[in-house]
PDB file of N, CA and C in Angstrom:
ATOM      1  N   LYS A   1     -28.882  -4.197 -27.024  1.00  0.00           N
ATOM      2  CA  LYS A   1     -27.790  -3.268 -26.808  1.00  0.00           C
ATOM      3  C   LYS A   1     -26.964  -3.711 -25.602  1.00  0.00           C
ATOM      4  N   GLU A   2     -25.658  -3.627 -25.777  1.00  0.00           N
ATOM      5  CA  GLU A   2     -24.748  -4.060 -24.715  1.00  0.00           C
ATOM      6  C   GLU A   2     -24.617  -2.995 -23.626  1.00  0.00           C
ATOM      7  N   GLU A   3     -24.600  -3.449 -22.400  1.00  0.00           N
ATOM      8  CA  GLU A   3     -24.434  -2.541 -21.268  1.00  0.00           C
ATOM      9  C   GLU A   3     -22.963  -2.098 -21.180  1.00  0.00           C
ATOM     10  N   PRO A   4     -22.706  -0.868 -20.688  1.00  0.00           N
ATOM     11  CA  PRO A   4     -21.322  -0.389 -20.573  1.00  0.00           C
ATOM     12  C   PRO A   4     -20.429  -1.301 -19.717  1.00  0.00           C
ATOM     13  N   TRP A   5     -20.969  -1.821 -18.622  1.00  0.00           N
ATOM     14  CA  TRP A   5     -20.172  -2.708 -17.759  1.00  0.00           C
ATOM     15  C   TRP A   5     -19.788  -3.984 -18.508  1.00  0.00           C
ATOM     16  N   GLU A   6     -20.685  -4.448 -19.378  1.00  0.00           N
ATOM     17  CA  GLU A   6     -20.443  -5.649 -20.161  1.00  0.00           C
ATOM     18  C   GLU A   6     -19.319  -5.390 -21.176  1.00  0.00           C
ATOM     19  N   THR A   7     -19.391  -4.241 -21.845  1.00  0.00           N
ATOM     20  CA  THR A   7     -18.362  -3.850 -22.806  1.00  0.00           C
ATOM     21  C   THR A   7     -17.004  -3.776 -22.113  1.00  0.00           C
ATOM     22  N   THR A   8     -16.977  -3.203 -20.908  1.00  0.00           N
ATOM     23  CA  THR A   8     -15.734  -3.085 -20.156  1.00  0.00           C
ATOM     24  C   THR A   8     -15.134  -4.465 -19.877  1.00  0.00           C
ATOM     25  N   LEU A   9     -15.958  -5.405 -19.457  1.00  0.00           N
ATOM     26  CA  LEU A   9     -15.460  -6.758 -19.176  1.00  0.00           C
ATOM     27  C   LEU A   9     -14.967  -7.458 -20.445  1.00  0.00           C
ATOM     28  N   LYS A  10     -15.607  -7.160 -21.572  1.00  0.00           N
ATOM     29  CA  LYS A  10     -15.214  -7.793 -22.837  1.00  0.00           C
ATOM     30  C   LYS A  10     -13.944  -7.180 -23.426  1.00  0.00           C
ATOM     31  N   THR A  11     -13.665  -5.920 -23.092  1.00  0.00           N
ATOM     32  CA  THR A  11     -12.497  -5.248 -23.661  1.00  0.00           C
ATOM     33  C   THR A  11     -11.296  -5.216 -22.713  1.00  0.00           C
ATOM     34  N   THR A  12     -11.492  -5.624 -21.460  1.00  0.00           N
ATOM     35  CA  THR A  12     -10.385  -5.689 -20.504  1.00  0.00           C
ATOM     36  C   THR A  12      -9.706  -7.042 -20.649  1.00  0.00           C
ATOM     37  N   VAL A  13      -8.454  -7.000 -21.086  1.00  0.00           N
ATOM     38  CA  VAL A  13      -7.731  -8.232 -21.387  1.00  0.00           C
ATOM     39  C   VAL A  13      -6.657  -8.474 -20.330  1.00  0.00           C
ATOM     40  N   VAL A  14      -6.558  -9.724 -19.895  1.00  0.00           N
ATOM     41  CA  VAL A  14      -5.566 -10.102 -18.886  1.00  0.00           C
ATOM     42  C   VAL A  14      -4.776 -11.315 -19.363  1.00  0.00           C
ATOM     43  N   GLU A  15      -3.644 -11.529 -18.712  1.00  0.00           N
ATOM     44  CA  GLU A  15      -2.865 -12.733 -18.977  1.00  0.00           C
ATOM     45  C   GLU A  15      -2.993 -13.635 -17.760  1.00  0.00           C
ATOM     46  N   VAL A  16      -3.361 -14.889 -18.006  1.00  0.00           N
ATOM     47  CA  VAL A  16      -3.492 -15.868 -16.929  1.00  0.00           C
ATOM     48  C   VAL A  16      -2.596 -17.036 -17.293  1.00  0.00           C
ATOM     49  N   GLU A  17      -1.649 -17.340 -16.432  1.00  0.00           N
ATOM     50  CA  GLU A  17      -0.735 -18.449 -16.711  1.00  0.00           C
ATOM     51  C   GLU A  17      -1.300 -19.741 -16.140  1.00  0.00           C
ATOM     52  N   ALA A  18      -2.451 -20.151 -16.679  1.00  0.00           N
ATOM     53  CA  ALA A  18      -3.104 -21.356 -16.174  1.00  0.00           C
ATOM     54  C   ALA A  18      -3.939 -22.012 -17.267  1.00  0.00           C
ATOM     55  N   GLY A  19      -3.969 -23.327 -17.230  1.00  0.00           N
ATOM     56  CA  GLY A  19      -4.830 -24.090 -18.134  1.00  0.00           C
ATOM     57  C   GLY A  19      -4.625 -23.731 -19.593  1.00  0.00           C
ATOM     58  N   GLU A  20      -5.723 -23.761 -20.338  1.00  0.00           N
ATOM     59  CA  GLU A  20      -5.638 -23.466 -21.776  1.00  0.00           C
ATOM     60  C   GLU A  20      -5.378 -21.994 -22.060  1.00  0.00           C
ATOM     61  N   PHE A  21      -5.401 -21.151 -21.020  1.00  0.00           N
ATOM     62  CA  PHE A  21      -5.149 -19.721 -21.208  1.00  0.00           C
ATOM     63  C   PHE A  21      -3.664 -19.371 -21.147  1.00  0.00           C
ATOM     64  N   ARG A  22      -2.833 -20.312 -20.755  1.00  0.00           N
ATOM     65  CA  ARG A  22      -1.396 -20.056 -20.599  1.00  0.00           C
ATOM     66  C   ARG A  22      -0.807 -19.486 -21.893  1.00  0.00           C
ATOM     67  N   GLY A  23      -0.123 -18.343 -21.740  1.00  0.00           N
ATOM     68  CA  GLY A  23       0.525 -17.726 -22.888  1.00  0.00           C
ATOM     69  C   GLY A  23      -0.407 -16.936 -23.791  1.00  0.00           C
ATOM     70  N   HIS A  24      -1.660 -16.779 -23.391  1.00  0.00           N
ATOM     71  CA  HIS A  24      -2.629 -16.032 -24.201  1.00  0.00           C
ATOM     72  C   HIS A  24      -3.179 -14.863 -23.399  1.00  0.00           C
ATOM     73  N   ARG A  25      -3.588 -13.835 -24.114  1.00  0.00           N
ATOM     74  CA  ARG A  25      -4.316 -12.730 -23.487  1.00  0.00           C
ATOM     75  C   ARG A  25      -5.795 -13.015 -23.707  1.00  0.00           C
ATOM     76  N   VAL A  26      -6.571 -12.900 -22.647  1.00  0.00           N
ATOM     77  CA  VAL A  26      -7.989 -13.262 -22.723  1.00  0.00           C
ATOM     78  C   VAL A  26      -8.821 -12.210 -21.985  1.00  0.00           C
ATOM     79  N   SER A  27     -10.029 -11.969 -22.469  1.00  0.00           N
ATOM     80  CA  SER A  27     -10.879 -10.950 -21.841  1.00  0.00           C
ATOM     81  C   SER A  27     -11.431 -11.467 -20.509  1.00  0.00           C
ATOM     82  N   LEU A  28     -11.708 -10.535 -19.618  1.00  0.00           N
ATOM     83  CA  LEU A  28     -12.321 -10.901 -18.335  1.00  0.00           C
ATOM     84  C   LEU A  28     -13.658 -11.584 -18.574  1.00  0.00           C
ATOM     85  N   TRP A  29     -14.378 -11.126 -19.591  1.00  0.00           N
ATOM     86  CA  TRP A  29     -15.673 -11.725 -19.928  1.00  0.00           C
ATOM     87  C   TRP A  29     -15.500 -13.215 -20.243  1.00  0.00           C
ATOM     88  N   ASP A  30     -14.508 -13.541 -21.084  1.00  0.00           N
ATOM     89  CA  ASP A  30     -14.273 -14.938 -21.451  1.00  0.00           C
ATOM     90  C   ASP A  30     -13.834 -15.764 -20.239  1.00  0.00           C
ATOM     91  N   LEU A  31     -13.023 -15.175 -19.382  1.00  0.00           N
ATOM     92  CA  LEU A  31     -12.610 -15.888 -18.162  1.00  0.00           C
ATOM     93  C   LEU A  31     -13.819 -16.150 -17.265  1.00  0.00           C
ATOM     94  N   LEU A  32     -14.663 -15.142 -17.097  1.00  0.00           N
ATOM     95  CA  LEU A  32     -15.863 -15.298 -16.263  1.00  0.00           C
ATOM     96  C   LEU A  32     -16.771 -16.406 -16.775  1.00  0.00           C
ATOM     97  N   HIS A  33     -16.780 -16.601 -18.082  1.00  0.00           N
ATOM     98  CA  HIS A  33     -17.652 -17.606 -18.685  1.00  0.00           C
ATOM     99  C   HIS A  33     -16.916 -18.894 -19.027  1.00  0.00           C
ATOM    100  N   SER A  34     -15.707 -19.053 -18.462  1.00  0.00           N
ATOM    101  CA  SER A  34     -14.955 -20.288 -18.697  1.00  0.00           C
ATOM    102  C   SER A  34     -15.419 -21.369 -17.723  1.00  0.00           C
ATOM    103  N   ARG A  35     -14.982 -22.586 -17.979  1.00  0.00           N
ATOM    104  CA  ARG A  35     -15.384 -23.721 -17.138  1.00  0.00           C
ATOM    105  C   ARG A  35     -14.808 -23.641 -15.725  1.00  0.00           C
ATOM    106  N   TYR A  36     -13.857 -22.738 -15.519  1.00  0.00           N
ATOM    107  CA  TYR A  36     -13.208 -22.619 -14.205  1.00  0.00           C
ATOM    108  C   TYR A  36     -14.027 -21.818 -13.197  1.00  0.00           C
ATOM    109  N   ILE A  37     -14.969 -21.028 -13.668  1.00  0.00           N
ATOM    110  CA  ILE A  37     -15.768 -20.190 -12.772  1.00  0.00           C
ATOM    111  C   ILE A  37     -17.162 -20.810 -12.638  1.00  0.00           C
ATOM    112  N   PRO A  38     -17.494 -21.318 -11.449  1.00  0.00           N
ATOM    113  CA  PRO A  38     -18.833 -21.890 -11.248  1.00  0.00           C
ATOM    114  C   PRO A  38     -19.913 -20.821 -11.480  1.00  0.00           C
ATOM    115  N   GLU A  39     -21.044 -21.255 -11.993  1.00  0.00           N
ATOM    116  CA  GLU A  39     -22.123 -20.319 -12.357  1.00  0.00           C
ATOM    117  C   GLU A  39     -22.527 -19.399 -11.206  1.00  0.00           C
ATOM    118  N   GLU A  40     -22.627 -19.949  -9.995  1.00  0.00           N
ATOM    119  CA  GLU A  40     -23.061 -19.109  -8.869  1.00  0.00           C
ATOM    120  C   GLU A  40     -22.019 -18.029  -8.563  1.00  0.00           C
ATOM    121  N   ASN A  41     -20.736 -18.356  -8.707  1.00  0.00           N
ATOM    122  CA  ASN A  41     -19.674 -17.362  -8.502  1.00  0.00           C
ATOM    123  C   ASN A  41     -19.752 -16.272  -9.574  1.00  0.00           C
ATOM    124  N   ARG A  42     -19.961 -16.692 -10.820  1.00  0.00           N
ATOM    125  CA  ARG A  42     -20.050 -15.737 -11.930  1.00  0.00           C
ATOM    126  C   ARG A  42     -21.191 -14.759 -11.697  1.00  0.00           C
ATOM    127  N   LYS A  43     -22.372 -15.293 -11.333  1.00  0.00           N
ATOM    128  CA  LYS A  43     -23.535 -14.438 -11.100  1.00  0.00           C
ATOM    129  C   LYS A  43     -23.273 -13.447  -9.970  1.00  0.00           C
ATOM    130  N   GLU A  44     -22.677 -13.936  -8.896  1.00  0.00           N
ATOM    131  CA  GLU A  44     -22.390 -13.077  -7.743  1.00  0.00           C
ATOM    132  C   GLU A  44     -21.413 -11.965  -8.117  1.00  0.00           C
ATOM    133  N   LEU A  45     -20.352 -12.319  -8.842  1.00  0.00           N
ATOM    134  CA  LEU A  45     -19.362 -11.317  -9.257  1.00  0.00           C
ATOM    135  C   LEU A  45     -19.984 -10.257 -10.163  1.00  0.00           C
ATOM    136  N   LEU A  46     -20.821 -10.705 -11.104  1.00  0.00           N
ATOM    137  CA  LEU A  46     -21.459  -9.761 -12.025  1.00  0.00           C
ATOM    138  C   LEU A  46     -22.415  -8.821 -11.294  1.00  0.00           C
ATOM    139  N   VAL A  47     -23.172  -9.357 -10.342  1.00  0.00           N
ATOM    140  CA  VAL A  47     -24.093  -8.527  -9.563  1.00  0.00           C
ATOM    141  C   VAL A  47     -23.321  -7.478  -8.760  1.00  0.00           C
ATOM    142  N   LEU A  48     -22.256  -7.907  -8.090  1.00  0.00           N
ATOM    143  CA  LEU A  48     -21.454  -6.980  -7.275  1.00  0.00           C
ATOM    144  C   LEU A  48     -20.766  -5.924  -8.133  1.00  0.00           C
ATOM    145  N   TYR A  49     -20.285  -6.337  -9.304  1.00  0.00           N
ATOM    146  CA  TYR A  49     -19.621  -5.384 -10.205  1.00  0.00           C
ATOM    147  C   TYR A  49     -20.631  -4.368 -10.752  1.00  0.00           C
ATOM    148  N   GLN A  50     -21.785  -4.848 -11.204  1.00  0.00           N
ATOM    149  CA  GLN A  50     -22.828  -3.959 -11.719  1.00  0.00           C
ATOM    150  C   GLN A  50     -23.287  -2.963 -10.661  1.00  0.00           C
ATOM    151  N   ALA A  51     -23.342  -3.410  -9.412  1.00  0.00           N
ATOM    152  CA  ALA A  51     -23.815  -2.557  -8.312  1.00  0.00           C
ATOM    153  C   ALA A  51     -22.743  -1.570  -7.857  1.00  0.00           C
ATOM    154  N   GLY A  52     -21.535  -1.704  -8.396  1.00  0.00           N
ATOM    155  CA  GLY A  52     -20.455  -0.806  -8.011  1.00  0.00           C
ATOM    156  C   GLY A  52     -19.785  -1.199  -6.708  1.00  0.00           C
ATOM    157  N   GLU A  53     -20.079  -2.407  -6.216  1.00  0.00           N
ATOM    158  CA  GLU A  53     -19.473  -2.861  -4.965  1.00  0.00           C
ATOM    159  C   GLU A  53     -18.091  -3.465  -5.183  1.00  0.00           C
ATOM    160  N   LEU A  54     -17.810  -3.847  -6.432  1.00  0.00           N
ATOM    161  CA  LEU A  54     -16.475  -4.324  -6.799  1.00  0.00           C
ATOM    162  C   LEU A  54     -15.948  -3.440  -7.919  1.00  0.00           C
ATOM    163  N   THR A  55     -14.662  -3.088  -7.847  1.00  0.00           N
ATOM    164  CA  THR A  55     -14.043  -2.332  -8.935  1.00  0.00           C
ATOM    165  C   THR A  55     -13.602  -3.315 -10.015  1.00  0.00           C
ATOM    166  N   LEU A  56     -13.273  -2.794 -11.173  1.00  0.00           N
ATOM    167  CA  LEU A  56     -12.776  -3.631 -12.261  1.00  0.00           C
ATOM    168  C   LEU A  56     -11.513  -4.372 -11.813  1.00  0.00           C
ATOM    169  N   GLU A  57     -10.659  -3.677 -11.085  1.00  0.00           N
ATOM    170  CA  GLU A  57      -9.410  -4.274 -10.599  1.00  0.00           C
ATOM    171  C   GLU A  57      -9.700  -5.430  -9.639  1.00  0.00           C
ATOM    172  N   GLN A  58     -10.706  -5.264  -8.789  1.00  0.00           N
ATOM    173  CA  GLN A  58     -11.084  -6.335  -7.858  1.00  0.00           C
ATOM    174  C   GLN A  58     -11.646  -7.538  -8.609  1.00  0.00           C
ATOM    175  N   VAL A  59     -12.459  -7.296  -9.620  1.00  0.00           N
ATOM    176  CA  VAL A  59     -13.008  -8.391 -10.428  1.00  0.00           C
ATOM    177  C   VAL A  59     -11.861  -9.135 -11.102  1.00  0.00           C
ATOM    178  N   LYS A  60     -10.919  -8.379 -11.648  1.00  0.00           N
ATOM    179  CA  LYS A  60      -9.764  -8.968 -12.334  1.00  0.00           C
ATOM    180  C   LYS A  60      -8.981  -9.877 -11.371  1.00  0.00           C
ATOM    181  N   THR A  61      -8.738  -9.394 -10.168  1.00  0.00           N
ATOM    182  CA  THR A  61      -7.993 -10.164  -9.166  1.00  0.00           C
ATOM    183  C   THR A  61      -8.734 -11.444  -8.784  1.00  0.00           C
ATOM    184  N   VAL A  62     -10.013 -11.327  -8.493  1.00  0.00           N
ATOM    185  CA  VAL A  62     -10.807 -12.489  -8.075  1.00  0.00           C
ATOM    186  C   VAL A  62     -10.872 -13.529  -9.190  1.00  0.00           C
ATOM    187  N   VAL A  63     -11.179 -13.088 -10.398  1.00  0.00           N
ATOM    188  CA  VAL A  63     -11.338 -14.008 -11.527  1.00  0.00           C
ATOM    189  C   VAL A  63     -10.018 -14.724 -11.850  1.00  0.00           C
ATOM    190  N   THR A  64      -8.927 -13.981 -11.917  1.00  0.00           N
ATOM    191  CA  THR A  64      -7.651 -14.628 -12.249  1.00  0.00           C
ATOM    192  C   THR A  64      -7.222 -15.584 -11.137  1.00  0.00           C
ATOM    193  N   THR A  65      -7.518 -15.236  -9.883  1.00  0.00           N
ATOM    194  CA  THR A  65      -7.186 -16.137  -8.767  1.00  0.00           C
ATOM    195  C   THR A  65      -7.985 -17.428  -8.855  1.00  0.00           C
ATOM    196  N   ILE A  66      -9.295 -17.326  -9.100  1.00  0.00           N
ATOM    197  CA  ILE A  66     -10.145 -18.530  -9.204  1.00  0.00           C
ATOM    198  C   ILE A  66      -9.669 -19.412 -10.349  1.00  0.00           C
ATOM    199  N   VAL A  67      -9.419 -18.808 -11.517  1.00  0.00           N
ATOM    200  CA  VAL A  67      -8.996 -19.587 -12.685  1.00  0.00           C
ATOM    201  C   VAL A  67      -7.650 -20.266 -12.423  1.00  0.00           C
ATOM    202  N   THR A  68      -6.710 -19.534 -11.841  1.00  0.00           N
ATOM    203  CA  THR A  68      -5.385 -20.098 -11.561  1.00  0.00           C
ATOM    204  C   THR A  68      -5.472 -21.264 -10.590  1.00  0.00           C
ATOM    205  N   ARG A  69      -6.246 -21.096  -9.518  1.00  0.00           N
ATOM    206  CA  ARG A  69      -6.399 -22.176  -8.530  1.00  0.00           C
ATOM    207  C   ARG A  69      -7.125 -23.384  -9.108  1.00  0.00           C
ATOM    208  N   ALA A  70      -8.194 -23.130  -9.867  1.00  0.00           N
ATOM    209  CA  ALA A  70      -8.979 -24.227 -10.436  1.00  0.00           C
ATOM    210  C   ALA A  70      -8.158 -25.019 -11.457  1.00  0.00           C
ATOM    211  N   ALA A  71      -7.360 -24.313 -12.248  1.00  0.00           N
ATOM    212  CA  ALA A  71      -6.550 -24.993 -13.270  1.00  0.00           C
ATOM    213  C   ALA A  71      -5.434 -25.808 -12.621  1.00  0.00           C
ATOM    214  N   ALA A  72      -4.974 -25.353 -11.457  1.00  0.00           N
ATOM    215  CA  ALA A  72      -3.899 -26.073 -10.764  1.00  0.00           C
ATOM    216  C   ALA A  72      -4.403 -27.300 -10.026  1.00  0.00           C
ATOM    217  N   ALA A  73      -5.689 -27.310  -9.722  1.00  0.00           N
ATOM    218  CA  ALA A  73      -6.269 -28.421  -8.949  1.00  0.00           C
ATOM    219  C   ALA A  73      -6.320 -29.724  -9.736  1.00  0.00           C
TER     220      ALA A  73
END
């Protein structure tokens, strides 16, 4: 059974103008599991989000920033 926080990440869609995501709407879940987010960062973000220390909006900001910077590098 899927956890509610997991469902939220899978159904929250963002637009990222970077890399292969340019011009597409993609879920936060897919961004978190993309090659642009190192595994240790992904684990840390998920732990903080699950614990309620990060809001959905904060996760969205961090993830899109990491993906945008990594794709530009």
